[in-house]
PDB file of N, CA and C in Angstrom:
ATOM      1  N   MET A   1       8.447  -1.519  59.856  1.00  0.00           N
ATOM      2  CA  MET A   1       7.914  -1.623  58.505  1.00  0.00           C
ATOM      3  C   MET A   1       7.033  -0.419  58.235  1.00  0.00           C
ATOM      4  N   GLY A   2       6.920   0.006  56.973  1.00  0.00           N
ATOM      5  CA  GLY A   2       6.138   1.177  56.605  1.00  0.00           C
ATOM      6  C   GLY A   2       4.651   0.913  56.686  1.00  0.00           C
ATOM      7  N   THR A   3       3.902   1.956  56.436  1.00  0.00           N
ATOM      8  CA  THR A   3       2.448   1.829  56.442  1.00  0.00           C
ATOM      9  C   THR A   3       2.003   0.929  55.301  1.00  0.00           C
ATOM     10  N   PRO A   4       0.868   0.288  55.434  1.00  0.00           N
ATOM     11  CA  PRO A   4       0.384  -0.588  54.354  1.00  0.00           C
ATOM     12  C   PRO A   4       0.262   0.149  53.016  1.00  0.00           C
ATOM     13  N   LEU A   5      -0.158   1.395  53.037  1.00  0.00           N
ATOM     14  CA  LEU A   5      -0.289   2.159  51.801  1.00  0.00           C
ATOM     15  C   LEU A   5       1.072   2.377  51.142  1.00  0.00           C
ATOM     16  N   ALA A   6       2.086   2.646  51.936  1.00  0.00           N
ATOM     17  CA  ALA A   6       3.429   2.847  51.396  1.00  0.00           C
ATOM     18  C   ALA A   6       3.960   1.563  50.761  1.00  0.00           C
ATOM     19  N   VAL A   7       3.696   0.434  51.392  1.00  0.00           N
ATOM     20  CA  VAL A   7       4.135  -0.855  50.859  1.00  0.00           C
ATOM     21  C   VAL A   7       3.445  -1.137  49.528  1.00  0.00           C
ATOM     22  N   VAL A   8       2.141  -0.873  49.447  1.00  0.00           N
ATOM     23  CA  VAL A   8       1.393  -1.076  48.203  1.00  0.00           C
ATOM     24  C   VAL A   8       1.935  -0.145  47.118  1.00  0.00           C
ATOM     25  N   ALA A   9       2.175   1.108  47.428  1.00  0.00           N
ATOM     26  CA  ALA A   9       2.680   2.068  46.455  1.00  0.00           C
ATOM     27  C   ALA A   9       4.061   1.647  45.947  1.00  0.00           C
ATOM     28  N   LEU A  10       4.927   1.220  46.858  1.00  0.00           N
ATOM     29  CA  LEU A  10       6.257   0.768  46.462  1.00  0.00           C
ATOM     30  C   LEU A  10       6.176  -0.465  45.569  1.00  0.00           C
ATOM     31  N   SER A  11       5.323  -1.403  45.911  1.00  0.00           N
ATOM     32  CA  SER A  11       5.153  -2.615  45.102  1.00  0.00           C
ATOM     33  C   SER A  11       4.616  -2.286  43.717  1.00  0.00           C
ATOM     34  N   LEU A  12       3.650  -1.401  43.655  1.00  0.00           N
ATOM     35  CA  LEU A  12       3.080  -1.007  42.370  1.00  0.00           C
ATOM     36  C   LEU A  12       4.125  -0.301  41.509  1.00  0.00           C
ATOM     37  N   GLY A  13       4.888   0.598  42.111  1.00  0.00           N
ATOM     38  CA  GLY A  13       5.946   1.297  41.371  1.00  0.00           C
ATOM     39  C   GLY A  13       6.986   0.336  40.833  1.00  0.00           C
ATOM     40  N   PHE A  14       7.376  -0.648  41.635  1.00  0.00           N
ATOM     41  CA  PHE A  14       8.348  -1.644  41.204  1.00  0.00           C
ATOM     42  C   PHE A  14       7.801  -2.481  40.053  1.00  0.00           C
ATOM     43  N   SER A  15       6.529  -2.819  40.095  1.00  0.00           N
ATOM     44  CA  SER A  15       5.939  -3.622  39.018  1.00  0.00           C
ATOM     45  C   SER A  15       5.942  -2.863  37.698  1.00  0.00           C
ATOM     46  N   PHE A  16       5.753  -1.541  37.727  1.00  0.00           N
ATOM     47  CA  PHE A  16       5.821  -0.751  36.499  1.00  0.00           C
ATOM     48  C   PHE A  16       7.230  -0.757  35.920  1.00  0.00           C
ATOM     49  N   LEU A  17       8.244  -0.765  36.766  1.00  0.00           N
ATOM     50  CA  LEU A  17       9.614  -0.849  36.277  1.00  0.00           C
ATOM     51  C   LEU A  17       9.859  -2.162  35.551  1.00  0.00           C
ATOM     52  N   LEU A  18       9.288  -3.224  36.047  1.00  0.00           N
ATOM     53  CA  LEU A  18       9.452  -4.521  35.404  1.00  0.00           C
ATOM     54  C   LEU A  18       8.736  -4.592  34.065  1.00  0.00           C
ATOM     55  N   LEU A  19       7.634  -3.886  33.908  1.00  0.00           N
ATOM     56  CA  LEU A  19       6.858  -3.918  32.674  1.00  0.00           C
ATOM     57  C   LEU A  19       7.387  -2.982  31.603  1.00  0.00           C
ATOM     58  N   SER A  20       8.153  -1.970  31.950  1.00  0.00           N
ATOM     59  CA  SER A  20       8.516  -0.922  31.002  1.00  0.00           C
ATOM     60  C   SER A  20       9.185  -1.414  29.719  1.00  0.00           C
ATOM     61  N   PRO A  21      10.073  -2.432  29.741  1.00  0.00           N
ATOM     62  CA  PRO A  21      10.657  -2.871  28.477  1.00  0.00           C
ATOM     63  C   PRO A  21       9.631  -3.490  27.528  1.00  0.00           C
ATOM     64  N   ALA A  22       8.525  -3.969  28.057  1.00  0.00           N
ATOM     65  CA  ALA A  22       7.535  -4.628  27.215  1.00  0.00           C
ATOM     66  C   ALA A  22       6.514  -3.659  26.638  1.00  0.00           C
ATOM     67  N   ILE A  23       6.497  -2.432  27.095  1.00  0.00           N
ATOM     68  CA  ILE A  23       5.532  -1.455  26.593  1.00  0.00           C
ATOM     69  C   ILE A  23       5.920  -1.075  25.163  1.00  0.00           C
ATOM     70  N   ALA A  24       4.978  -1.201  24.268  1.00  0.00           N
ATOM     71  CA  ALA A  24       5.235  -0.929  22.855  1.00  0.00           C
ATOM     72  C   ALA A  24       4.346   0.203  22.382  1.00  0.00           C
ATOM     73  N   ARG A  25       4.817   0.859  21.315  1.00  0.00           N
ATOM     74  CA  ARG A  25       4.020   1.892  20.665  1.00  0.00           C
ATOM     75  C   ARG A  25       4.147   1.700  19.160  1.00  0.00           C
ATOM     76  N   PRO A  26       3.155   2.145  18.410  1.00  0.00           N
ATOM     77  CA  PRO A  26       3.247   2.016  16.948  1.00  0.00           C
ATOM     78  C   PRO A  26       4.464   2.768  16.412  1.00  0.00           C
ATOM     79  N   VAL A  27       5.081   2.204  15.403  1.00  0.00           N
ATOM     80  CA  VAL A  27       6.240   2.843  14.785  1.00  0.00           C
ATOM     81  C   VAL A  27       5.804   4.141  14.101  1.00  0.00           C
ATOM     82  N   THR A  28       6.683   5.132  14.099  1.00  0.00           N
ATOM     83  CA  THR A  28       6.420   6.398  13.418  1.00  0.00           C
ATOM     84  C   THR A  28       7.388   6.548  12.247  1.00  0.00           C
ATOM     85  N   SER A  29       7.091   7.467  11.370  1.00  0.00           N
ATOM     86  CA  SER A  29       8.004   7.749  10.257  1.00  0.00           C
ATOM     87  C   SER A  29       9.372   8.164  10.783  1.00  0.00           C
ATOM     88  N   ALA A  30       9.399   8.925  11.876  1.00  0.00           N
ATOM     89  CA  ALA A  30      10.671   9.373  12.451  1.00  0.00           C
ATOM     90  C   ALA A  30      11.509   8.204  12.962  1.00  0.00           C
ATOM     91  N   ASP A  31      10.872   7.126  13.413  1.00  0.00           N
ATOM     92  CA  ASP A  31      11.608   5.942  13.868  1.00  0.00           C
ATOM     93  C   ASP A  31      12.361   5.274  12.727  1.00  0.00           C
ATOM     94  N   LEU A  32      11.837   5.394  11.513  1.00  0.00           N
ATOM     95  CA  LEU A  32      12.386   4.656  10.378  1.00  0.00           C
ATOM     96  C   LEU A  32      13.163   5.508   9.379  1.00  0.00           C
ATOM     97  N   SER A  33      12.752   6.731   9.164  1.00  0.00           N
ATOM     98  CA  SER A  33      13.328   7.568   8.112  1.00  0.00           C
ATOM     99  C   SER A  33      14.842   7.735   8.284  1.00  0.00           C
ATOM    100  N   GLY A  34      15.571   7.303   7.262  1.00  0.00           N
ATOM    101  CA  GLY A  34      17.023   7.392   7.283  1.00  0.00           C
ATOM    102  C   GLY A  34      17.694   6.297   8.092  1.00  0.00           C
ATOM    103  N   LYS A  35      16.952   5.257   8.467  1.00  0.00           N
ATOM    104  CA  LYS A  35      17.473   4.196   9.334  1.00  0.00           C
ATOM    105  C   LYS A  35      17.508   2.855   8.605  1.00  0.00           C
ATOM    106  N   LYS A  36      18.296   1.959   9.174  1.00  0.00           N
ATOM    107  CA  LYS A  36      18.420   0.598   8.660  1.00  0.00           C
ATOM    108  C   LYS A  36      18.100  -0.350   9.809  1.00  0.00           C
ATOM    109  N   ILE A  37      17.213  -1.322   9.557  1.00  0.00           N
ATOM    110  CA  ILE A  37      16.843  -2.300  10.581  1.00  0.00           C
ATOM    111  C   ILE A  37      17.272  -3.695  10.133  1.00  0.00           C
ATOM    112  N   CYS A  38      17.924  -4.396  11.054  1.00  0.00           N
ATOM    113  CA  CYS A  38      18.313  -5.791  10.840  1.00  0.00           C
ATOM    114  C   CYS A  38      17.271  -6.656  11.544  1.00  0.00           C
ATOM    115  N   TRP A  39      16.539  -7.466  10.762  1.00  0.00           N
ATOM    116  CA  TRP A  39      15.466  -8.305  11.295  1.00  0.00           C
ATOM    117  C   TRP A  39      15.984  -9.687  11.621  1.00  0.00           C
ATOM    118  N   ASN A  40      15.290 -10.404  12.501  1.00  0.00           N
ATOM    119  CA  ASN A  40      15.736 -11.709  12.977  1.00  0.00           C
ATOM    120  C   ASN A  40      15.751 -12.785  11.888  1.00  0.00           C
ATOM    121  N   ASP A  41      15.109 -12.560  10.749  1.00  0.00           N
ATOM    122  CA  ASP A  41      15.152 -13.537   9.663  1.00  0.00           C
ATOM    123  C   ASP A  41      16.325 -13.299   8.717  1.00  0.00           C
ATOM    124  N   GLY A  42      17.198 -12.321   9.043  1.00  0.00           N
ATOM    125  CA  GLY A  42      18.366 -12.016   8.225  1.00  0.00           C
ATOM    126  C   GLY A  42      18.155 -10.890   7.236  1.00  0.00           C
ATOM    127  N   ASP A  43      16.928 -10.446   7.048  1.00  0.00           N
ATOM    128  CA  ASP A  43      16.647  -9.351   6.121  1.00  0.00           C
ATOM    129  C   ASP A  43      17.146  -8.033   6.711  1.00  0.00           C
ATOM    130  N   VAL A  44      17.782  -7.232   5.873  1.00  0.00           N
ATOM    131  CA  VAL A  44      18.224  -5.890   6.253  1.00  0.00           C
ATOM    132  C   VAL A  44      17.419  -4.914   5.407  1.00  0.00           C
ATOM    133  N   GLN A  45      16.661  -4.045   6.077  1.00  0.00           N
ATOM    134  CA  GLN A  45      15.795  -3.101   5.379  1.00  0.00           C
ATOM    135  C   GLN A  45      16.243  -1.677   5.681  1.00  0.00           C
ATOM    136  N   THR A  46      16.379  -0.888   4.604  1.00  0.00           N
ATOM    137  CA  THR A  46      16.764   0.513   4.735  1.00  0.00           C
ATOM    138  C   THR A  46      15.572   1.367   4.350  1.00  0.00           C
ATOM    139  N   TYR A  47      15.223   2.296   5.234  1.00  0.00           N
ATOM    140  CA  TYR A  47      14.077   3.179   5.055  1.00  0.00           C
ATOM    141  C   TYR A  47      14.615   4.589   4.799  1.00  0.00           C
ATOM    142  N   TYR A  48      14.746   4.946   3.540  1.00  0.00           N
ATOM    143  CA  TYR A  48      15.308   6.244   3.189  1.00  0.00           C
ATOM    144  C   TYR A  48      14.285   7.354   3.419  1.00  0.00           C
ATOM    145  N   ALA A  49      14.798   8.550   3.715  1.00  0.00           N
ATOM    146  CA  ALA A  49      13.928   9.719   3.811  1.00  0.00           C
ATOM    147  C   ALA A  49      13.218   9.884   2.474  1.00  0.00           C
ATOM    148  N   GLY A  50      11.991  10.336   2.498  1.00  0.00           N
ATOM    149  CA  GLY A  50      11.235  10.503   1.271  1.00  0.00           C
ATOM    150  C   GLY A  50      10.485   9.255   0.844  1.00  0.00           C
ATOM    151  N   GLY A  51      10.578   8.170   1.631  1.00  0.00           N
ATOM    152  CA  GLY A  51       9.775   6.992   1.341  1.00  0.00           C
ATOM    153  C   GLY A  51      10.401   5.939   0.467  1.00  0.00           C
ATOM    154  N   LYS A  52      11.663   6.076   0.078  1.00  0.00           N
ATOM    155  CA  LYS A  52      12.326   5.016  -0.696  1.00  0.00           C
ATOM    156  C   LYS A  52      12.724   3.894   0.252  1.00  0.00           C
ATOM    157  N   TYR A  53      12.775   2.671  -0.283  1.00  0.00           N
ATOM    158  CA  TYR A  53      12.980   1.470   0.526  1.00  0.00           C
ATOM    159  C   TYR A  53      13.924   0.526  -0.181  1.00  0.00           C
ATOM    160  N   SER A  54      14.761  -0.157   0.584  1.00  0.00           N
ATOM    161  CA  SER A  54      15.638  -1.178   0.035  1.00  0.00           C
ATOM    162  C   SER A  54      15.720  -2.333   1.029  1.00  0.00           C
ATOM    163  N   SER A  55      15.615  -3.548   0.517  1.00  0.00           N
ATOM    164  CA  SER A  55      15.640  -4.746   1.354  1.00  0.00           C
ATOM    165  C   SER A  55      16.521  -5.793   0.691  1.00  0.00           C
ATOM    166  N   THR A  56      17.317  -6.497   1.503  1.00  0.00           N
ATOM    167  CA  THR A  56      18.153  -7.553   0.949  1.00  0.00           C
ATOM    168  C   THR A  56      17.320  -8.707   0.414  1.00  0.00           C
ATOM    169  N   GLY A  57      16.103  -8.863   0.903  1.00  0.00           N
ATOM    170  CA  GLY A  57      15.250  -9.958   0.454  1.00  0.00           C
ATOM    171  C   GLY A  57      14.165  -9.558  -0.523  1.00  0.00           C
ATOM    172  N   GLU A  58      13.744  -8.296  -0.488  1.00  0.00           N
ATOM    173  CA  GLU A  58      12.589  -7.873  -1.281  1.00  0.00           C
ATOM    174  C   GLU A  58      12.919  -6.912  -2.412  1.00  0.00           C
ATOM    175  N   GLY A  59      14.130  -6.404  -2.449  1.00  0.00           N
ATOM    176  CA  GLY A  59      14.516  -5.469  -3.488  1.00  0.00           C
ATOM    177  C   GLY A  59      14.175  -4.038  -3.107  1.00  0.00           C
ATOM    178  N   ASN A  60      14.098  -3.185  -4.106  1.00  0.00           N
ATOM    179  CA  ASN A  60      13.835  -1.760  -3.898  1.00  0.00           C
ATOM    180  C   ASN A  60      12.361  -1.443  -4.049  1.00  0.00           C
ATOM    181  N   GLY A  61      11.940  -0.355  -3.418  1.00  0.00           N
ATOM    182  CA  GLY A  61      10.551   0.059  -3.514  1.00  0.00           C
ATOM    183  C   GLY A  61      10.287   1.280  -2.677  1.00  0.00           C
ATOM    184  N   THR A  62       9.093   1.326  -2.084  1.00  0.00           N
ATOM    185  CA  THR A  62       8.689   2.460  -1.260  1.00  0.00           C
ATOM    186  C   THR A  62       8.121   1.966   0.067  1.00  0.00           C
ATOM    187  N   TRP A  63       8.147   2.846   1.076  1.00  0.00           N
ATOM    188  CA  TRP A  63       7.554   2.539   2.375  1.00  0.00           C
ATOM    189  C   TRP A  63       6.761   3.743   2.845  1.00  0.00           C
ATOM    190  N   ALA A  64       5.785   3.475   3.720  1.00  0.00           N
ATOM    191  CA  ALA A  64       4.975   4.552   4.292  1.00  0.00           C
ATOM    192  C   ALA A  64       4.349   4.095   5.595  1.00  0.00           C
ATOM    193  N   VAL A  65       4.252   5.022   6.542  1.00  0.00           N
ATOM    194  CA  VAL A  65       3.475   4.806   7.757  1.00  0.00           C
ATOM    195  C   VAL A  65       2.161   5.535   7.529  1.00  0.00           C
ATOM    196  N   THR A  66       1.056   4.784   7.578  1.00  0.00           N
ATOM    197  CA  THR A  66      -0.261   5.364   7.307  1.00  0.00           C
ATOM    198  C   THR A  66      -1.167   5.157   8.514  1.00  0.00           C
ATOM    199  N   GLY A  67      -2.364   5.654   8.429  1.00  0.00           N
ATOM    200  CA  GLY A  67      -3.338   5.432   9.489  1.00  0.00           C
ATOM    201  C   GLY A  67      -3.672   3.958   9.663  1.00  0.00           C
ATOM    202  N   ALA A  68      -3.475   3.176   8.618  1.00  0.00           N
ATOM    203  CA  ALA A  68      -3.761   1.744   8.664  1.00  0.00           C
ATOM    204  C   ALA A  68      -2.569   0.924   9.143  1.00  0.00           C
ATOM    205  N   GLY A  69      -1.405   1.549   9.294  1.00  0.00           N
ATOM    206  CA  GLY A  69      -0.208   0.830   9.725  1.00  0.00           C
ATOM    207  C   GLY A  69       0.965   1.131   8.829  1.00  0.00           C
ATOM    208  N   PHE A  70       1.809   0.147   8.632  1.00  0.00           N
ATOM    209  CA  PHE A  70       3.026   0.284   7.840  1.00  0.00           C
ATOM    210  C   PHE A  70       2.847  -0.474   6.534  1.00  0.00           C
ATOM    211  N   GLU A  71       3.262   0.139   5.422  1.00  0.00           N
ATOM    212  CA  GLU A  71       3.086  -0.496   4.111  1.00  0.00           C
ATOM    213  C   GLU A  71       4.368  -0.435   3.298  1.00  0.00           C
ATOM    214  N   VAL A  72       4.657  -1.510   2.582  1.00  0.00           N
ATOM    215  CA  VAL A  72       5.805  -1.592   1.677  1.00  0.00           C
ATOM    216  C   VAL A  72       5.322  -2.069   0.317  1.00  0.00           C
ATOM    217  N   LYS A  73       5.850  -1.442  -0.715  1.00  0.00           N
ATOM    218  CA  LYS A  73       5.653  -1.909  -2.086  1.00  0.00           C
ATOM    219  C   LYS A  73       7.049  -2.029  -2.674  1.00  0.00           C
ATOM    220  N   ALA A  74       7.515  -3.277  -2.852  1.00  0.00           N
ATOM    221  CA  ALA A  74       8.868  -3.529  -3.330  1.00  0.00           C
ATOM    222  C   ALA A  74       8.831  -4.430  -4.557  1.00  0.00           C
ATOM    223  N   GLN A  75      10.009  -4.629  -5.155  1.00  0.00           N
ATOM    224  CA  GLN A  75      10.119  -5.447  -6.359  1.00  0.00           C
ATOM    225  C   GLN A  75       9.575  -6.861  -6.155  1.00  0.00           C
ATOM    226  N   ASN A  76       9.915  -7.471  -5.022  1.00  0.00           N
ATOM    227  CA  ASN A  76       9.575  -8.870  -4.795  1.00  0.00           C
ATOM    228  C   ASN A  76       8.475  -9.096  -3.769  1.00  0.00           C
ATOM    229  N   ALA A  77       7.871  -8.024  -3.260  1.00  0.00           N
ATOM    230  CA  ALA A  77       6.825  -8.187  -2.243  1.00  0.00           C
ATOM    231  C   ALA A  77       6.065  -6.883  -2.041  1.00  0.00           C
ATOM    232  N   THR A  78       4.797  -7.009  -1.756  1.00  0.00           N
ATOM    233  CA  THR A  78       3.963  -5.888  -1.326  1.00  0.00           C
ATOM    234  C   THR A  78       3.233  -6.365  -0.087  1.00  0.00           C
ATOM    235  N   TRP A  79       3.373  -5.616   1.014  1.00  0.00           N
ATOM    236  CA  TRP A  79       2.779  -6.076   2.261  1.00  0.00           C
ATOM    237  C   TRP A  79       2.477  -4.911   3.194  1.00  0.00           C
ATOM    238  N   ALA A  80       1.632  -5.208   4.158  1.00  0.00           N
ATOM    239  CA  ALA A  80       1.296  -4.274   5.226  1.00  0.00           C
ATOM    240  C   ALA A  80       1.553  -4.985   6.542  1.00  0.00           C
ATOM    241  N   ALA A  81       1.939  -4.228   7.552  1.00  0.00           N
ATOM    242  CA  ALA A  81       2.266  -4.841   8.842  1.00  0.00           C
ATOM    243  C   ALA A  81       1.939  -3.901   9.981  1.00  0.00           C
ATOM    244  N   ASP A  82       1.799  -4.483  11.145  1.00  0.00           N
ATOM    245  CA  ASP A  82       1.760  -3.715  12.376  1.00  0.00           C
ATOM    246  C   ASP A  82       3.173  -3.760  12.931  1.00  0.00           C
ATOM    247  N   ILE A  83       3.872  -2.627  12.909  1.00  0.00           N
ATOM    248  CA  ILE A  83       5.218  -2.566  13.469  1.00  0.00           C
ATOM    249  C   ILE A  83       5.167  -1.699  14.711  1.00  0.00           C
ATOM    250  N   GLU A  84       5.736  -2.227  15.781  1.00  0.00           N
ATOM    251  CA  GLU A  84       5.789  -1.492  17.040  1.00  0.00           C
ATOM    252  C   GLU A  84       7.232  -1.379  17.498  1.00  0.00           C
ATOM    253  N   ARG A  85       7.475  -0.343  18.306  1.00  0.00           N
ATOM    254  CA  ARG A  85       8.798  -0.155  18.888  1.00  0.00           C
ATOM    255  C   ARG A  85       8.671  -0.291  20.402  1.00  0.00           C
ATOM    256  N   LEU A  86       9.452  -1.201  20.966  1.00  0.00           N
ATOM    257  CA  LEU A  86       9.457  -1.413  22.402  1.00  0.00           C
ATOM    258  C   LEU A  86      10.330  -0.364  23.079  1.00  0.00           C
ATOM    259  N   ALA A  87      10.146  -0.206  24.374  1.00  0.00           N
ATOM    260  CA  ALA A  87      10.911   0.785  25.136  1.00  0.00           C
ATOM    261  C   ALA A  87      12.414   0.534  25.064  1.00  0.00           C
ATOM    262  N   ASP A  88      12.830  -0.723  24.874  1.00  0.00           N
ATOM    263  CA  ASP A  88      14.266  -1.019  24.806  1.00  0.00           C
ATOM    264  C   ASP A  88      14.844  -0.830  23.404  1.00  0.00           C
ATOM    265  N   GLY A  89      14.029  -0.345  22.453  1.00  0.00           N
ATOM    266  CA  GLY A  89      14.501  -0.090  21.096  1.00  0.00           C
ATOM    267  C   GLY A  89      14.247  -1.220  20.124  1.00  0.00           C
ATOM    268  N   THR A  90      13.771  -2.353  20.591  1.00  0.00           N
ATOM    269  CA  THR A  90      13.448  -3.480  19.721  1.00  0.00           C
ATOM    270  C   THR A  90      12.212  -3.153  18.890  1.00  0.00           C
ATOM    271  N   PHE A  91      12.239  -3.550  17.627  1.00  0.00           N
ATOM    272  CA  PHE A  91      11.070  -3.434  16.765  1.00  0.00           C
ATOM    273  C   PHE A  91      10.418  -4.803  16.667  1.00  0.00           C
ATOM    274  N   THR A  92       9.092  -4.838  16.670  1.00  0.00           N
ATOM    275  CA  THR A  92       8.360  -6.073  16.425  1.00  0.00           C
ATOM    276  C   THR A  92       7.446  -5.838  15.232  1.00  0.00           C
ATOM    277  N   SER A  93       7.289  -6.864  14.420  1.00  0.00           N
ATOM    278  CA  SER A  93       6.469  -6.754  13.222  1.00  0.00           C
ATOM    279  C   SER A  93       5.602  -7.990  13.091  1.00  0.00           C
ATOM    280  N   ASP A  94       4.318  -7.778  12.889  1.00  0.00           N
ATOM    281  CA  ASP A  94       3.381  -8.857  12.631  1.00  0.00           C
ATOM    282  C   ASP A  94       2.787  -8.636  11.250  1.00  0.00           C
ATOM    283  N   ILE A  95       3.100  -9.553  10.344  1.00  0.00           N
ATOM    284  CA  ILE A  95       2.662  -9.442   8.952  1.00  0.00           C
ATOM    285  C   ILE A  95       1.647 -10.538   8.673  1.00  0.00           C
ATOM    286  N   ALA A  96       0.489 -10.143   8.194  1.00  0.00           N
ATOM    287  CA  ALA A  96      -0.553 -11.109   7.851  1.00  0.00           C
ATOM    288  C   ALA A  96      -0.310 -11.646   6.448  1.00  0.00           C
ATOM    289  N   GLY A  97      -0.545 -12.948   6.266  1.00  0.00           N
ATOM    290  CA  GLY A  97      -0.403 -13.574   4.950  1.00  0.00           C
ATOM    291  C   GLY A  97      -1.506 -13.109   4.020  1.00  0.00           C
ATOM    292  N   PRO A  98      -1.313 -13.183   2.741  1.00  0.00           N
ATOM    293  CA  PRO A  98      -0.176 -13.807   2.087  1.00  0.00           C
ATOM    294  C   PRO A  98       0.990 -12.856   1.829  1.00  0.00           C
ATOM    295  N   GLY A  99       0.974 -11.630   2.370  1.00  0.00           N
ATOM    296  CA  GLY A  99       2.042 -10.669   2.095  1.00  0.00           C
ATOM    297  C   GLY A  99       3.428 -11.120   2.475  1.00  0.00           C
ATOM    298  N   TRP A 100       3.567 -11.902   3.536  1.00  0.00           N
ATOM    299  CA  TRP A 100       4.893 -12.307   3.985  1.00  0.00           C
ATOM    300  C   TRP A 100       5.420 -13.522   3.255  1.00  0.00           C
ATOM    301  N   SER A 101       4.576 -14.182   2.484  1.00  0.00           N
ATOM    302  CA  SER A 101       5.012 -15.334   1.715  1.00  0.00           C
ATOM    303  C   SER A 101       3.980 -15.623   0.631  1.00  0.00           C
ATOM    304  N   ALA A 102       4.456 -15.909  -0.548  1.00  0.00           N
ATOM    305  CA  ALA A 102       3.541 -16.200  -1.659  1.00  0.00           C
ATOM    306  C   ALA A 102       2.704 -17.445  -1.396  1.00  0.00           C
ATOM    307  N   THR A 103       3.178 -18.321  -0.520  1.00  0.00           N
ATOM    308  CA  THR A 103       2.460 -19.556  -0.240  1.00  0.00           C
ATOM    309  C   THR A 103       1.705 -19.515   1.088  1.00  0.00           C
ATOM    310  N   ALA A 104       1.696 -18.365   1.754  1.00  0.00           N
ATOM    311  CA  ALA A 104       1.032 -18.258   3.062  1.00  0.00           C
ATOM    312  C   ALA A 104      -0.481 -18.347   2.899  1.00  0.00           C
ATOM    313  N   ALA A 105      -1.094 -19.035   3.813  1.00  0.00           N
ATOM    314  CA  ALA A 105      -2.547 -19.168   3.789  1.00  0.00           C
ATOM    315  C   ALA A 105      -3.200 -17.880   4.274  1.00  0.00           C
ATOM    316  N   PRO A 106      -4.336 -17.499   3.685  1.00  0.00           N
ATOM    317  CA  PRO A 106      -5.058 -16.333   4.187  1.00  0.00           C
ATOM    318  C   PRO A 106      -5.357 -16.491   5.674  1.00  0.00           C
ATOM    319  N   GLY A 107      -5.165 -15.428   6.423  1.00  0.00           N
ATOM    320  CA  GLY A 107      -5.392 -15.466   7.861  1.00  0.00           C
ATOM    321  C   GLY A 107      -4.173 -15.867   8.672  1.00  0.00           C
ATOM    322  N   SER A 108      -3.124 -16.371   8.003  1.00  0.00           N
ATOM    323  CA  SER A 108      -1.909 -16.718   8.733  1.00  0.00           C
ATOM    324  C   SER A 108      -1.077 -15.450   8.932  1.00  0.00           C
ATOM    325  N   SER A 109      -0.113 -15.524   9.824  1.00  0.00           N
ATOM    326  CA  SER A 109       0.748 -14.365  10.051  1.00  0.00           C
ATOM    327  C   SER A 109       2.140 -14.818  10.447  1.00  0.00           C
ATOM    328  N   GLN A 110       3.051 -13.867  10.414  1.00  0.00           N
ATOM    329  CA  GLN A 110       4.435 -14.133  10.794  1.00  0.00           C
ATOM    330  C   GLN A 110       4.894 -13.023  11.723  1.00  0.00           C
ATOM    331  N   HIS A 111       5.665 -13.363  12.748  1.00  0.00           N
ATOM    332  CA  HIS A 111       6.165 -12.394  13.721  1.00  0.00           C
ATOM    333  C   HIS A 111       7.679 -12.252  13.559  1.00  0.00           C
ATOM    334  N   TYR A 112       8.164 -11.012  13.519  1.00  0.00           N
ATOM    335  CA  TYR A 112       9.589 -10.727  13.398  1.00  0.00           C
ATOM    336  C   TYR A 112      10.003  -9.750  14.489  1.00  0.00           C
ATOM    337  N   THR A 113      11.296  -9.784  14.827  1.00  0.00           N
ATOM    338  CA  THR A 113      11.883  -8.777  15.713  1.00  0.00           C
ATOM    339  C   THR A 113      13.116  -8.213  15.031  1.00  0.00           C
ATOM    340  N   GLY A 114      13.433  -6.957  15.354  1.00  0.00           N
ATOM    341  CA  GLY A 114      14.596  -6.329  14.748  1.00  0.00           C
ATOM    342  C   GLY A 114      15.129  -5.195  15.601  1.00  0.00           C
ATOM    343  N   HIS A 115      16.309  -4.724  15.194  1.00  0.00           N
ATOM    344  CA  HIS A 115      16.988  -3.607  15.853  1.00  0.00           C
ATOM    345  C   HIS A 115      17.646  -2.747  14.776  1.00  0.00           C
ATOM    346  N   TYR A 116      17.964  -1.504  15.126  1.00  0.00           N
ATOM    347  CA  TYR A 116      18.757  -0.696  14.221  1.00  0.00           C
ATOM    348  C   TYR A 116      20.071  -1.435  13.986  1.00  0.00           C
ATOM    349  N   CYS A 117      20.511  -1.511  12.729  1.00  0.00           N
ATOM    350  CA  CYS A 117      21.764  -2.178  12.408  1.00  0.00           C
ATOM    351  C   CYS A 117      22.928  -1.346  12.929  1.00  0.00           C
ATOM    352  N   LYS A 118      23.974  -2.033  13.329  1.00  0.00           N
ATOM    353  CA  LYS A 118      25.185  -1.337  13.817  1.00  0.00           C
ATOM    354  C   LYS A 118      26.138  -1.100  12.682  1.00  0.00           C
TER     355      LYS A 118
END
């Protein structure tokens, strides 16, 4: 068997491999510009270059990645969210109410997952 230090190093390295798909980073404009994301609630959102936006559920509008996060202003909804991209390409979105629903209570939130549409 190897030295105790080698065993610890190997175990630590293996644990990082297991965690890598869960590591997330904030979404960037480059992640979205010119792309279409299919979300787990059935909504398909297209993020056009130049900030134009189209959603099957929210209509047309604009999108932007700002210092405060991600923002959408559309025909049927205006909201801000924390959108992250996981190492495996999955997008996660946490939207605080009432932006995600007209009947959502203040302080409530909704979690979504999505991928680039095929």
